[in-house]
């Protein structure tokens, strides 16, 4: 992934991570989708998160977010 694209995605990640925990929760991702006008059911969002949540934390850390944004969407 190009450095510029990675920096752009890092900015998005930080914006979505409202509590600055270093990880995006299902609620945070759902809120971001809503703001962006992306229509996705809660079940679909949870499914997407499960697919990229490599460490099983229930949240998406930045490397997992990169996977989500570059391969799943």
PDB file of N, CA and C in Angstrom:
ATOM      1  N   UNK A   1       0.859  -1.186   0.000  1.00  0.00           N
ATOM      2  CA  UNK A   1       0.000   0.000   0.000  1.00  0.00           C
ATOM      3  C   UNK A   1       0.902   1.244   0.000  1.00  0.00           C
ATOM      4  N   UNK A   2       0.558   2.180  -0.829  1.00  0.00           N
ATOM      5  CA  UNK A   2       1.360   3.401  -0.974  1.00  0.00           C
ATOM      6  C   UNK A   2       1.376   4.206   0.324  1.00  0.00           C
ATOM      7  N   UNK A   3       2.478   4.877   0.561  1.00  0.00           N
ATOM      8  CA  UNK A   3       2.645   5.654   1.788  1.00  0.00           C
ATOM      9  C   UNK A   3       1.542   6.697   1.953  1.00  0.00           C
ATOM     10  N   UNK A   4       1.181   7.365   0.861  1.00  0.00           N
ATOM     11  CA  UNK A   4       0.141   8.397   0.932  1.00  0.00           C
ATOM     12  C   UNK A   4      -1.210   7.795   1.308  1.00  0.00           C
ATOM     13  N   UNK A   5      -1.529   6.650   0.720  1.00  0.00           N
ATOM     14  CA  UNK A   5      -2.797   5.981   1.020  1.00  0.00           C
ATOM     15  C   UNK A   5      -2.803   5.512   2.472  1.00  0.00           C
ATOM     16  N   UNK A   6      -1.672   4.989   2.939  1.00  0.00           N
ATOM     17  CA  UNK A   6      -1.573   4.536   4.325  1.00  0.00           C
ATOM     18  C   UNK A   6      -1.788   5.708   5.287  1.00  0.00           C
ATOM     19  N   UNK A   7      -1.203   6.862   4.973  1.00  0.00           N
ATOM     20  CA  UNK A   7      -1.368   8.049   5.818  1.00  0.00           C
ATOM     21  C   UNK A   7      -2.822   8.500   5.829  1.00  0.00           C
ATOM     22  N   UNK A   8      -3.468   8.445   4.675  1.00  0.00           N
ATOM     23  CA  UNK A   8      -4.884   8.816   4.583  1.00  0.00           C
ATOM     24  C   UNK A   8      -5.739   7.871   5.435  1.00  0.00           C
ATOM     25  N   UNK A   9      -5.462   6.584   5.341  1.00  0.00           N
ATOM     26  CA  UNK A   9      -6.213   5.601   6.125  1.00  0.00           C
ATOM     27  C   UNK A   9      -5.931   5.752   7.618  1.00  0.00           C
ATOM     28  N   UNK A  10      -4.706   6.132   7.978  1.00  0.00           N
ATOM     29  CA  UNK A  10      -4.384   6.372   9.387  1.00  0.00           C
ATOM     30  C   UNK A  10      -5.216   7.528   9.925  1.00  0.00           C
ATOM     31  N   UNK A  11      -5.386   8.559   9.119  1.00  0.00           N
ATOM     32  CA  UNK A  11      -6.223   9.699   9.521  1.00  0.00           C
ATOM     33  C   UNK A  11      -7.665   9.245   9.738  1.00  0.00           C
ATOM     34  N   UNK A  12      -8.191   8.459   8.811  1.00  0.00           N
ATOM     35  CA  UNK A  12      -9.557   7.949   8.958  1.00  0.00           C
ATOM     36  C   UNK A  12      -9.685   7.103  10.220  1.00  0.00           C
ATOM     37  N   UNK A  13      -8.684   6.243  10.451  1.00  0.00           N
ATOM     38  CA  UNK A  13      -8.707   5.379  11.631  1.00  0.00           C
ATOM     39  C   UNK A  13      -8.780   6.215  12.904  1.00  0.00           C
ATOM     40  N   UNK A  14      -7.931   7.223  12.982  1.00  0.00           N
ATOM     41  CA  UNK A  14      -7.904   8.081  14.174  1.00  0.00           C
ATOM     42  C   UNK A  14      -9.220   8.823  14.361  1.00  0.00           C
ATOM     43  N   UNK A  15      -9.846   9.209  13.260  1.00  0.00           N
ATOM     44  CA  UNK A  15     -11.135   9.897  13.329  1.00  0.00           C
ATOM     45  C   UNK A  15     -12.231   8.958  13.825  1.00  0.00           C
ATOM     46  N   UNK A  16     -12.246   7.741  13.324  1.00  0.00           N
ATOM     47  CA  UNK A  16     -13.269   6.762  13.713  1.00  0.00           C
ATOM     48  C   UNK A  16     -13.070   6.317  15.156  1.00  0.00           C
ATOM     49  N   UNK A  17     -11.819   6.212  15.596  1.00  0.00           N
ATOM     50  CA  UNK A  17     -11.494   5.767  16.962  1.00  0.00           C
ATOM     51  C   UNK A  17     -11.780   6.902  17.947  1.00  0.00           C
ATOM     52  N   UNK A  18     -13.054   7.118  18.206  1.00  0.00           N
ATOM     53  CA  UNK A  18     -13.498   8.271  18.998  1.00  0.00           C
ATOM     54  C   UNK A  18     -12.932   8.307  20.416  1.00  0.00           C
ATOM     55  N   UNK A  19     -12.728   7.144  21.018  1.00  0.00           N
ATOM     56  CA  UNK A  19     -12.234   7.126  22.397  1.00  0.00           C
ATOM     57  C   UNK A  19     -10.706   7.041  22.474  1.00  0.00           C
ATOM     58  N   UNK A  20     -10.044   7.122  21.318  1.00  0.00           N
ATOM     59  CA  UNK A  20      -8.574   7.086  21.243  1.00  0.00           C
ATOM     60  C   UNK A  20      -7.972   5.873  21.936  1.00  0.00           C
ATOM     61  N   UNK A  21      -8.646   4.739  21.807  1.00  0.00           N
ATOM     62  CA  UNK A  21      -8.168   3.513  22.438  1.00  0.00           C
ATOM     63  C   UNK A  21      -7.136   2.784  21.593  1.00  0.00           C
ATOM     64  N   UNK A  22      -6.981   3.202  20.339  1.00  0.00           N
ATOM     65  CA  UNK A  22      -6.080   2.495  19.440  1.00  0.00           C
ATOM     66  C   UNK A  22      -6.761   1.354  18.715  1.00  0.00           C
ATOM     67  N   UNK A  23      -8.068   1.250  18.907  1.00  0.00           N
ATOM     68  CA  UNK A  23      -8.847   0.208  18.245  1.00  0.00           C
ATOM     69  C   UNK A  23     -10.245   0.745  17.967  1.00  0.00           C
ATOM     70  N   UNK A  24     -10.856   0.211  16.927  1.00  0.00           N
ATOM     71  CA  UNK A  24     -12.205   0.625  16.546  1.00  0.00           C
ATOM     72  C   UNK A  24     -13.191  -0.444  16.985  1.00  0.00           C
ATOM     73  N   UNK A  25     -14.189  -0.023  17.725  1.00  0.00           N
ATOM     74  CA  UNK A  25     -15.237  -0.945  18.169  1.00  0.00           C
ATOM     75  C   UNK A  25     -16.324  -1.040  17.102  1.00  0.00           C
ATOM     76  N   UNK A  26     -17.194  -2.004  17.275  1.00  0.00           N
ATOM     77  CA  UNK A  26     -18.337  -2.144  16.371  1.00  0.00           C
ATOM     78  C   UNK A  26     -19.163  -0.864  16.366  1.00  0.00           C
ATOM     79  N   UNK A  27     -19.392  -0.294  17.544  1.00  0.00           N
ATOM     80  CA  UNK A  27     -20.175   0.945  17.638  1.00  0.00           C
ATOM     81  C   UNK A  27     -19.507   2.094  16.889  1.00  0.00           C
ATOM     82  N   UNK A  28     -18.193   2.210  17.023  1.00  0.00           N
ATOM     83  CA  UNK A  28     -17.475   3.291  16.339  1.00  0.00           C
ATOM     84  C   UNK A  28     -17.546   3.114  14.820  1.00  0.00           C
ATOM     85  N   UNK A  29     -17.391   1.880  14.356  1.00  0.00           N
ATOM     86  CA  UNK A  29     -17.455   1.638  12.918  1.00  0.00           C
ATOM     87  C   UNK A  29     -18.866   1.880  12.392  1.00  0.00           C
ATOM     88  N   UNK A  30     -19.865   1.453  13.145  1.00  0.00           N
ATOM     89  CA  UNK A  30     -21.258   1.687  12.745  1.00  0.00           C
ATOM     90  C   UNK A  30     -21.542   3.185  12.663  1.00  0.00           C
ATOM     91  N   UNK A  31     -21.037   3.943  13.616  1.00  0.00           N
ATOM     92  CA  UNK A  31     -21.218   5.393  13.603  1.00  0.00           C
ATOM     93  C   UNK A  31     -20.554   6.036  12.402  1.00  0.00           C
ATOM     94  N   UNK A  32     -19.363   5.566  12.063  1.00  0.00           N
ATOM     95  CA  UNK A  32     -18.656   6.104  10.897  1.00  0.00           C
ATOM     96  C   UNK A  32     -19.421   5.800   9.620  1.00  0.00           C
ATOM     97  N   UNK A  33     -19.922   4.582   9.501  1.00  0.00           N
ATOM     98  CA  UNK A  33     -20.709   4.220   8.320  1.00  0.00           C
ATOM     99  C   UNK A  33     -21.941   5.102   8.207  1.00  0.00           C
ATOM    100  N   UNK A  34     -22.583   5.350   9.328  1.00  0.00           N
ATOM    101  CA  UNK A  34     -23.787   6.185   9.324  1.00  0.00           C
ATOM    102  C   UNK A  34     -23.467   7.597   8.829  1.00  0.00           C
ATOM    103  N   UNK A  35     -22.387   8.169   9.353  1.00  0.00           N
ATOM    104  CA  UNK A  35     -21.978   9.519   8.944  1.00  0.00           C
ATOM    105  C   UNK A  35     -21.662   9.561   7.447  1.00  0.00           C
ATOM    106  N   UNK A  36     -21.046   8.500   6.954  1.00  0.00           N
ATOM    107  CA  UNK A  36     -20.659   8.448   5.544  1.00  0.00           C
ATOM    108  C   UNK A  36     -21.811   8.061   4.620  1.00  0.00           C
ATOM    109  N   UNK A  37     -22.935   7.691   5.209  1.00  0.00           N
ATOM    110  CA  UNK A  37     -24.077   7.287   4.400  1.00  0.00           C
ATOM    111  C   UNK A  37     -23.974   5.875   3.869  1.00  0.00           C
ATOM    112  N   UNK A  38     -23.100   5.075   4.479  1.00  0.00           N
ATOM    113  CA  UNK A  38     -22.944   3.681   4.078  1.00  0.00           C
ATOM    114  C   UNK A  38     -24.017   2.866   4.783  1.00  0.00           C
ATOM    115  N   UNK A  39     -24.825   2.204   3.990  1.00  0.00           N
ATOM    116  CA  UNK A  39     -25.906   1.399   4.564  1.00  0.00           C
ATOM    117  C   UNK A  39     -25.390  -0.011   4.818  1.00  0.00           C
ATOM    118  N   UNK A  40     -25.309  -0.363   6.081  1.00  0.00           N
ATOM    119  CA  UNK A  40     -24.873  -1.704   6.465  1.00  0.00           C
ATOM    120  C   UNK A  40     -25.584  -2.068   7.757  1.00  0.00           C
ATOM    121  N   UNK A  41     -26.123  -3.267   7.786  1.00  0.00           N
ATOM    122  CA  UNK A  41     -26.803  -3.721   9.000  1.00  0.00           C
ATOM    123  C   UNK A  41     -25.770  -3.963  10.094  1.00  0.00           C
ATOM    124  N   UNK A  42     -26.234  -3.975  11.305  1.00  0.00           N
ATOM    125  CA  UNK A  42     -25.353  -4.262  12.445  1.00  0.00           C
ATOM    126  C   UNK A  42     -24.698  -5.630  12.255  1.00  0.00           C
ATOM    127  N   UNK A  43     -25.480  -6.592  11.780  1.00  0.00           N
ATOM    128  CA  UNK A  43     -24.949  -7.942  11.560  1.00  0.00           C
ATOM    129  C   UNK A  43     -23.837  -7.927  10.513  1.00  0.00           C
ATOM    130  N   UNK A  44     -24.009  -7.145   9.457  1.00  0.00           N
ATOM    131  CA  UNK A  44     -22.991  -7.061   8.407  1.00  0.00           C
ATOM    132  C   UNK A  44     -21.718  -6.401   8.937  1.00  0.00           C
ATOM    133  N   UNK A  45     -21.871  -5.365   9.740  1.00  0.00           N
ATOM    134  CA  UNK A  45     -20.707  -4.698  10.330  1.00  0.00           C
ATOM    135  C   UNK A  45     -19.965  -5.663  11.250  1.00  0.00           C
ATOM    136  N   UNK A  46     -20.703  -6.398  12.069  1.00  0.00           N
ATOM    137  CA  UNK A  46     -20.076  -7.377  12.964  1.00  0.00           C
ATOM    138  C   UNK A  46     -19.367  -8.465  12.167  1.00  0.00           C
ATOM    139  N   UNK A  47     -19.974  -8.888  11.063  1.00  0.00           N
ATOM    140  CA  UNK A  47     -19.358  -9.906  10.205  1.00  0.00           C
ATOM    141  C   UNK A  47     -18.053  -9.389   9.612  1.00  0.00           C
ATOM    142  N   UNK A  48     -18.067  -8.150   9.117  1.00  0.00           N
ATOM    143  CA  UNK A  48     -16.855  -7.548   8.553  1.00  0.00           C
ATOM    144  C   UNK A  48     -15.757  -7.468   9.607  1.00  0.00           C
ATOM    145  N   UNK A  49     -16.130  -7.065  10.807  1.00  0.00           N
ATOM    146  CA  UNK A  49     -15.130  -6.943  11.873  1.00  0.00           C
ATOM    147  C   UNK A  49     -14.558  -8.306  12.234  1.00  0.00           C
ATOM    148  N   UNK A  50     -15.409  -9.311  12.317  1.00  0.00           N
ATOM    149  CA  UNK A  50     -14.953 -10.659  12.656  1.00  0.00           C
ATOM    150  C   UNK A  50     -13.966 -11.174  11.617  1.00  0.00           C
ATOM    151  N   UNK A  51     -14.214 -10.865  10.357  1.00  0.00           N
ATOM    152  CA  UNK A  51     -13.347 -11.330   9.275  1.00  0.00           C
ATOM    153  C   UNK A  51     -11.936 -10.756   9.360  1.00  0.00           C
ATOM    154  N   UNK A  52     -11.787  -9.553   9.884  1.00  0.00           N
ATOM    155  CA  UNK A  52     -10.457  -8.930   9.932  1.00  0.00           C
ATOM    156  C   UNK A  52      -9.853  -8.887  11.335  1.00  0.00           C
ATOM    157  N   UNK A  53     -10.619  -9.265  12.345  1.00  0.00           N
ATOM    158  CA  UNK A  53     -10.147  -9.220  13.734  1.00  0.00           C
ATOM    159  C   UNK A  53      -9.248 -10.423  14.009  1.00  0.00           C
ATOM    160  N   UNK A  54      -8.001 -10.320  13.570  1.00  0.00           N
ATOM    161  CA  UNK A  54      -7.068 -11.438  13.636  1.00  0.00           C
ATOM    162  C   UNK A  54      -6.738 -11.878  15.057  1.00  0.00           C
ATOM    163  N   UNK A  55      -6.736 -10.947  16.003  1.00  0.00           N
ATOM    164  CA  UNK A  55      -6.357 -11.308  17.369  1.00  0.00           C
ATOM    165  C   UNK A  55      -7.556 -11.648  18.254  1.00  0.00           C
ATOM    166  N   UNK A  56      -8.756 -11.585  17.698  1.00  0.00           N
ATOM    167  CA  UNK A  56      -9.951 -11.962  18.451  1.00  0.00           C
ATOM    168  C   UNK A  56     -10.315 -11.012  19.574  1.00  0.00           C
ATOM    169  N   UNK A  57      -9.878  -9.759  19.478  1.00  0.00           N
ATOM    170  CA  UNK A  57     -10.118  -8.787  20.549  1.00  0.00           C
ATOM    171  C   UNK A  57     -11.539  -8.227  20.537  1.00  0.00           C
ATOM    172  N   UNK A  58     -12.244  -8.426  19.419  1.00  0.00           N
ATOM    173  CA  UNK A  58     -13.572  -7.836  19.294  1.00  0.00           C
ATOM    174  C   UNK A  58     -13.526  -6.406  18.786  1.00  0.00           C
ATOM    175  N   UNK A  59     -12.324  -5.913  18.553  1.00  0.00           N
ATOM    176  CA  UNK A  59     -12.124  -4.578  18.004  1.00  0.00           C
ATOM    177  C   UNK A  59     -11.129  -4.683  16.852  1.00  0.00           C
ATOM    178  N   UNK A  60     -11.041  -3.618  16.072  1.00  0.00           N
ATOM    179  CA  UNK A  60     -10.150  -3.607  14.917  1.00  0.00           C
ATOM    180  C   UNK A  60      -9.021  -2.618  15.173  1.00  0.00           C
ATOM    181  N   UNK A  61      -7.791  -3.139  15.250  1.00  0.00           N
ATOM    182  CA  UNK A  61      -6.621  -2.296  15.389  1.00  0.00           C
ATOM    183  C   UNK A  61      -6.191  -1.833  13.995  1.00  0.00           C
ATOM    184  N   UNK A  62      -5.239  -0.907  13.933  1.00  0.00           N
ATOM    185  CA  UNK A  62      -4.884  -0.296  12.651  1.00  0.00           C
ATOM    186  C   UNK A  62      -4.473  -1.302  11.578  1.00  0.00           C
ATOM    187  N   UNK A  63      -3.599  -2.275  11.865  1.00  0.00           N
ATOM    188  CA  UNK A  63      -3.254  -3.230  10.795  1.00  0.00           C
ATOM    189  C   UNK A  63      -4.486  -3.971  10.260  1.00  0.00           C
ATOM    190  N   UNK A  64      -5.405  -4.291  11.151  1.00  0.00           N
ATOM    191  CA  UNK A  64      -6.638  -4.966  10.740  1.00  0.00           C
ATOM    192  C   UNK A  64      -7.525  -4.013   9.936  1.00  0.00           C
ATOM    193  N   UNK A  65      -7.534  -2.742  10.323  1.00  0.00           N
ATOM    194  CA  UNK A  65      -8.287  -1.722   9.595  1.00  0.00           C
ATOM    195  C   UNK A  65      -7.755  -1.599   8.171  1.00  0.00           C
ATOM    196  N   UNK A  66      -6.434  -1.643   8.017  1.00  0.00           N
ATOM    197  CA  UNK A  66      -5.848  -1.597   6.676  1.00  0.00           C
ATOM    198  C   UNK A  66      -6.364  -2.753   5.832  1.00  0.00           C
ATOM    199  N   UNK A  67      -6.408  -3.936   6.420  1.00  0.00           N
ATOM    200  CA  UNK A  67      -6.934  -5.101   5.709  1.00  0.00           C
ATOM    201  C   UNK A  67      -8.379  -4.873   5.303  1.00  0.00           C
ATOM    202  N   UNK A  68      -9.174  -4.370   6.236  1.00  0.00           N
ATOM    203  CA  UNK A  68     -10.586  -4.107   5.960  1.00  0.00           C
ATOM    204  C   UNK A  68     -10.740  -3.126   4.804  1.00  0.00           C
ATOM    205  N   UNK A  69      -9.988  -2.057   4.839  1.00  0.00           N
ATOM    206  CA  UNK A  69     -10.150  -0.989   3.854  1.00  0.00           C
ATOM    207  C   UNK A  69      -9.552  -1.329   2.491  1.00  0.00           C
ATOM    208  N   UNK A  70      -8.575  -2.202   2.448  1.00  0.00           N
ATOM    209  CA  UNK A  70      -7.920  -2.486   1.171  1.00  0.00           C
ATOM    210  C   UNK A  70      -8.396  -3.777   0.518  1.00  0.00           C
ATOM    211  N   UNK A  71      -9.037  -4.655   1.275  1.00  0.00           N
ATOM    212  CA  UNK A  71      -9.454  -5.926   0.676  1.00  0.00           C
ATOM    213  C   UNK A  71     -10.938  -6.217   0.805  1.00  0.00           C
ATOM    214  N   UNK A  72     -11.606  -5.634   1.774  1.00  0.00           N
ATOM    215  CA  UNK A  72     -13.001  -5.992   2.031  1.00  0.00           C
ATOM    216  C   UNK A  72     -13.999  -5.009   1.450  1.00  0.00           C
ATOM    217  N   UNK A  73     -13.587  -3.763   1.263  1.00  0.00           N
ATOM    218  CA  UNK A  73     -14.532  -2.753   0.766  1.00  0.00           C
ATOM    219  C   UNK A  73     -14.286  -2.458  -0.698  1.00  0.00           C
TER     220      UNK A  73
END
